[in-house]
Every structure is written in C-alpha cells, then in structure tokens.
Amino acid sequence: MYFAALLARTEDGWEASDTELDDVETLADLADLAREAASDDETVLVCIEQDGTWFGVVRVDGEEDPRIYVSDAAAAMRSAYGEILLSDDLLGREPEDPSALEQLVDLDGTEDGEPEDGPGESSGPEAADSADSVPPGPLGDARILADLGINEKELRLLTAEDALSEIADVLGCTDVLEAVR
C-alpha cells in the first residue's frame, strides 16, 4: 500500500492534495503532475510513502529539474512507484537504450552467443539483482528540504513510518496533509 500527496506552496501557505500515481510512468510525468498543482513557479513537493518501508520526496521548483530524495533506494527499487524516482542519473549509471537491448536478445530470450542455462547455472532474480544492484539506504539530495527547515541530518534520521507527518509538521501543514490522508 502506498500514499502519495502533493504539497504546493501558495501565498496562503501549503495546500495538499492526494494523487494517484497509476498513470505516472516516468520522473518527467511526475514533475509535470507537480507543476500542474503549482501556482506560478512556487515549490511543489511530491511525497510518497510505501508500507512503512521507504519514503521519497520530489521537489519541483518551477521549470527547474526535479530534485529527489529516497530514504531506502533498495526497498524503493522493489516498488513500481520507487522505480519512477530512481532514474539512471540518480543511480549514477548510463541510461539503457531499449532498442539496443532488443537487438541483443534472441527470440528464445538468450543473448547472441550466450549459452542457455545448464546444470548449476542461474539467470534468475539473484543474477539480475547483482547486475543492477541498487545501494541500500538513502539516495538523492538530502539537502532537498534544508531551506524549508529540515536539514540533511534530520532528513536522514526520519523513519519511513513517520516521515511525511514530520515533514508536514515542520512545514506547518500537518492539518492539510492529514485531511487528504
């Protein structure tokens, strides 16, 4: 189970709205969704929490590139919503070219010249995990909320169960966040 909310700063304070991420496929889609909630070029925070295992914050300031913080990248990578946040750039890896990957894979699912699994060999999830390993723990811009009252150390100390409530408390918008929860 996940919860996602948009917190948009306005002249009158913060406004919250819950949001469905089912139609969001990329970080660009998420940033566009946040910009639609903004008045002028004000700050919008997309806050996501999943099952008390991880939380993420995406900050969009006008047309600037979104800034991202994820509390536990390895846990987030096991979630479709976390995968949206964990871009190749954030993970420090080269983007994959899907057309190049398709050219390498034969119809039987093996790569050109690659032997099919024999006894004792595995190409299961464990092999895939080692190839695309994601570091456990926090990832991204831990200074994402520093100018709003939550420094890097405080953000890293937040637990997934209480993070969004504590962020809203510091921003002074606990009531509006809880109203959409």
Protein backbone atom coordinates (compact mmCIF):
# COMPACT_ATOMS: atom_id res chain seq x y z
CA MET A 1 0.00 0.00 0.00
CA TYR A 2 1.28 3.45 -0.81
CA PHE A 3 0.29 7.03 -0.10
CA ALA A 4 1.20 9.94 -2.34
CA ALA A 5 0.42 13.60 -1.82
CA LEU A 6 1.28 16.86 -3.47
CA LEU A 7 2.18 19.74 -1.16
CA ALA A 8 2.08 23.01 -3.08
CA ARG A 9 3.28 26.27 -1.55
CA THR A 10 0.94 29.18 -2.15
CA GLU A 11 0.65 32.76 -0.92
CA ASP A 12 -1.62 31.47 1.84
CA GLY A 13 0.60 28.59 2.96
CA TRP A 14 0.74 24.98 1.86
CA GLU A 15 -2.09 23.18 0.07
CA ALA A 16 -2.23 19.39 -0.04
CA SER A 17 -3.88 17.02 -2.44
CA ASP A 18 -3.65 13.27 -2.66
CA THR A 19 -2.66 11.91 -6.01
CA GLU A 20 -2.83 8.65 -7.86
CA LEU A 21 0.40 7.55 -9.49
CA ASP A 22 -1.12 4.82 -11.65
CA ASP A 23 -0.78 6.92 -14.84
CA VAL A 24 2.69 8.21 -13.97
CA GLU A 25 5.39 6.24 -15.78
CA THR A 26 8.46 8.48 -15.61
CA LEU A 27 10.04 11.15 -13.44
CA ALA A 28 9.13 13.68 -16.16
CA ASP A 29 5.46 12.67 -15.84
CA LEU A 30 5.68 13.13 -12.07
CA ALA A 31 7.32 16.56 -12.46
CA ASP A 32 4.58 17.62 -14.91
CA LEU A 33 1.93 16.49 -12.41
CA ALA A 34 3.62 18.60 -9.71
CA ARG A 35 3.87 21.65 -11.98
CA GLU A 36 0.14 21.42 -12.71
CA ALA A 37 -0.52 21.75 -8.95
CA ALA A 38 1.74 24.80 -8.60
CA SER A 39 0.57 28.36 -8.53
CA ASP A 40 3.05 30.36 -10.57
CA ASP A 41 6.52 28.87 -10.10
CA GLU A 42 6.12 28.02 -6.42
CA THR A 43 7.60 24.94 -4.81
CA VAL A 44 5.70 21.66 -5.00
CA LEU A 45 6.69 18.59 -3.02
CA VAL A 46 5.58 15.15 -4.13
CA CYS A 47 5.64 12.96 -1.04
CA ILE A 48 5.41 9.19 -1.38
CA GLU A 49 5.49 6.54 1.32
CA GLN A 50 5.13 2.82 0.87
CA ASP A 51 4.17 0.31 3.56
CA GLY A 52 6.39 1.95 6.16
CA THR A 53 9.45 0.63 4.29
CA TRP A 54 10.58 3.73 2.40
CA PHE A 55 9.58 7.28 1.59
CA GLY A 56 10.53 9.65 -1.16
CA VAL A 57 10.31 13.38 -1.73
CA VAL A 58 10.46 15.01 -5.15
CA ARG A 59 10.83 18.77 -5.16
CA VAL A 60 9.80 20.76 -8.20
CA ASP A 61 10.58 24.48 -8.31
CA GLY A 62 9.11 25.99 -11.47
CA GLU A 63 10.80 24.69 -14.60
CA GLU A 64 13.96 23.52 -12.80
CA ASP A 65 14.87 19.85 -12.89
CA PRO A 66 13.20 17.92 -10.08
CA ARG A 67 15.28 17.14 -7.00
CA ILE A 68 14.81 13.73 -5.41
CA TYR A 69 15.43 12.08 -2.06
CA VAL A 70 14.62 8.43 -1.33
CA SER A 71 15.03 7.03 2.18
CA ASP A 72 15.91 3.47 1.09
CA ALA A 73 16.82 3.00 -2.56
CA ALA A 74 16.95 -0.80 -2.42
CA ALA A 75 13.45 -1.00 -0.93
CA ALA A 76 12.13 1.60 -3.36
CA MET A 77 13.53 -0.30 -6.33
CA ARG A 78 11.22 -3.20 -5.47
CA SER A 79 8.25 -0.87 -5.97
CA ALA A 80 6.83 0.42 -9.25
CA TYR A 81 6.48 3.84 -7.64
CA GLY A 82 10.05 3.79 -6.38
CA GLU A 83 11.33 2.89 -9.84
CA ILE A 84 9.86 6.17 -11.10
CA LEU A 85 12.11 8.08 -8.68
CA LEU A 86 15.24 6.01 -9.18
CA SER A 87 16.36 7.34 -12.53
CA ASP A 88 19.59 6.20 -14.18
CA ASP A 89 21.04 9.64 -13.44
CA LEU A 90 20.23 9.36 -9.72
CA LEU A 91 21.70 5.85 -9.62
CA GLY A 92 24.83 7.01 -11.45
CA ARG A 93 24.53 4.63 -14.36
CA GLU A 94 24.30 5.03 -18.10
CA PRO A 95 20.77 5.05 -19.49
CA GLU A 96 19.84 1.88 -21.29
CA ASP A 97 18.87 2.05 -24.96
CA PRO A 98 15.88 -0.31 -25.22
CA SER A 99 16.38 -0.80 -28.95
CA ALA A 100 19.98 -1.93 -28.39
CA LEU A 101 18.83 -4.37 -25.71
CA GLU A 102 16.19 -5.82 -28.03
CA GLN A 103 18.85 -6.40 -30.70
CA LEU A 104 20.95 -8.41 -28.25
CA VAL A 105 18.18 -10.78 -27.21
CA ASP A 106 17.12 -13.65 -29.45
CA LEU A 107 13.54 -14.84 -29.63
CA ASP A 108 14.34 -17.56 -27.11
CA GLY A 109 15.31 -14.86 -24.56
CA THR A 110 19.06 -15.51 -24.59
CA GLU A 111 21.67 -13.09 -25.80
CA ASP A 112 23.52 -13.75 -29.06
CA GLY A 113 26.27 -16.27 -28.42
CA GLU A 114 25.17 -16.84 -24.82
CA PRO A 115 24.67 -20.47 -23.85
CA GLU A 116 21.34 -21.41 -22.36
CA ASP A 117 21.44 -22.20 -18.66
CA GLY A 118 22.98 -25.53 -17.94
CA PRO A 119 23.05 -27.52 -14.72
CA GLY A 120 24.04 -25.35 -11.77
CA GLU A 121 23.70 -22.11 -13.75
CA SER A 122 21.14 -19.48 -12.95
CA SER A 123 19.79 -16.45 -14.70
CA GLY A 124 17.05 -15.90 -12.14
CA PRO A 125 16.35 -12.88 -9.99
CA GLU A 126 19.56 -13.25 -8.00
CA ALA A 127 21.64 -12.84 -11.15
CA ALA A 128 19.61 -9.82 -12.24
CA ASP A 129 19.92 -8.25 -8.79
CA SER A 130 23.71 -8.43 -8.86
CA ALA A 131 23.83 -6.84 -12.31
CA ASP A 132 21.53 -3.95 -11.44
CA SER A 133 22.31 -3.62 -7.75
CA VAL A 134 20.91 -0.57 -6.03
CA PRO A 135 22.57 0.62 -2.84
CA PRO A 136 20.60 0.14 0.37
CA GLY A 137 19.87 3.23 2.37
CA PRO A 138 19.24 6.84 1.40
CA LEU A 139 19.88 8.15 -2.08
CA GLY A 140 19.50 11.56 -3.66
CA ASP A 141 19.64 15.15 -2.49
CA ALA A 142 19.49 15.10 1.32
CA ARG A 143 19.51 18.93 1.30
CA ILE A 144 16.21 18.96 -0.61
CA LEU A 145 14.28 20.46 2.33
CA ALA A 146 17.07 22.44 4.03
CA ASP A 147 15.67 25.86 3.12
CA LEU A 148 12.25 24.71 4.40
CA GLY A 149 13.55 23.79 7.88
CA ILE A 150 14.73 20.16 7.60
CA ASN A 151 18.48 19.81 7.28
CA GLU A 152 20.32 16.85 5.78
CA LYS A 153 20.93 15.10 9.12
CA GLU A 154 17.31 15.47 10.23
CA LEU A 155 16.01 14.13 6.91
CA ARG A 156 18.25 11.07 7.10
CA LEU A 157 17.02 10.34 10.64
CA LEU A 158 13.33 10.27 9.66
CA THR A 159 11.71 6.85 9.72
CA ALA A 160 9.52 5.70 6.85
CA GLU A 161 6.52 5.36 9.19
CA ASP A 162 6.59 8.98 10.40
CA ALA A 163 8.49 10.91 7.73
CA LEU A 164 5.64 12.59 5.87
CA SER A 165 3.93 13.62 9.10
CA GLU A 166 7.16 15.07 10.48
CA ILE A 167 7.89 16.92 7.22
CA ALA A 168 4.36 18.36 7.24
CA ASP A 169 4.80 19.37 10.89
CA VAL A 170 7.97 21.34 10.13
CA LEU A 171 6.30 22.97 7.09
CA GLY A 172 3.29 23.88 9.23
CA CYS A 173 0.81 21.93 7.11
CA THR A 174 0.03 18.85 9.17
CA ASP A 175 -3.70 19.53 9.10
CA VAL A 176 -3.87 19.86 5.31
CA LEU A 177 -1.80 16.70 4.77
CA GLU A 178 -3.86 14.67 7.24
CA ALA A 179 -7.04 15.88 5.54
CA VAL A 180 -6.03 14.12 2.32
CA ARG A 181 -4.58 11.07 4.00
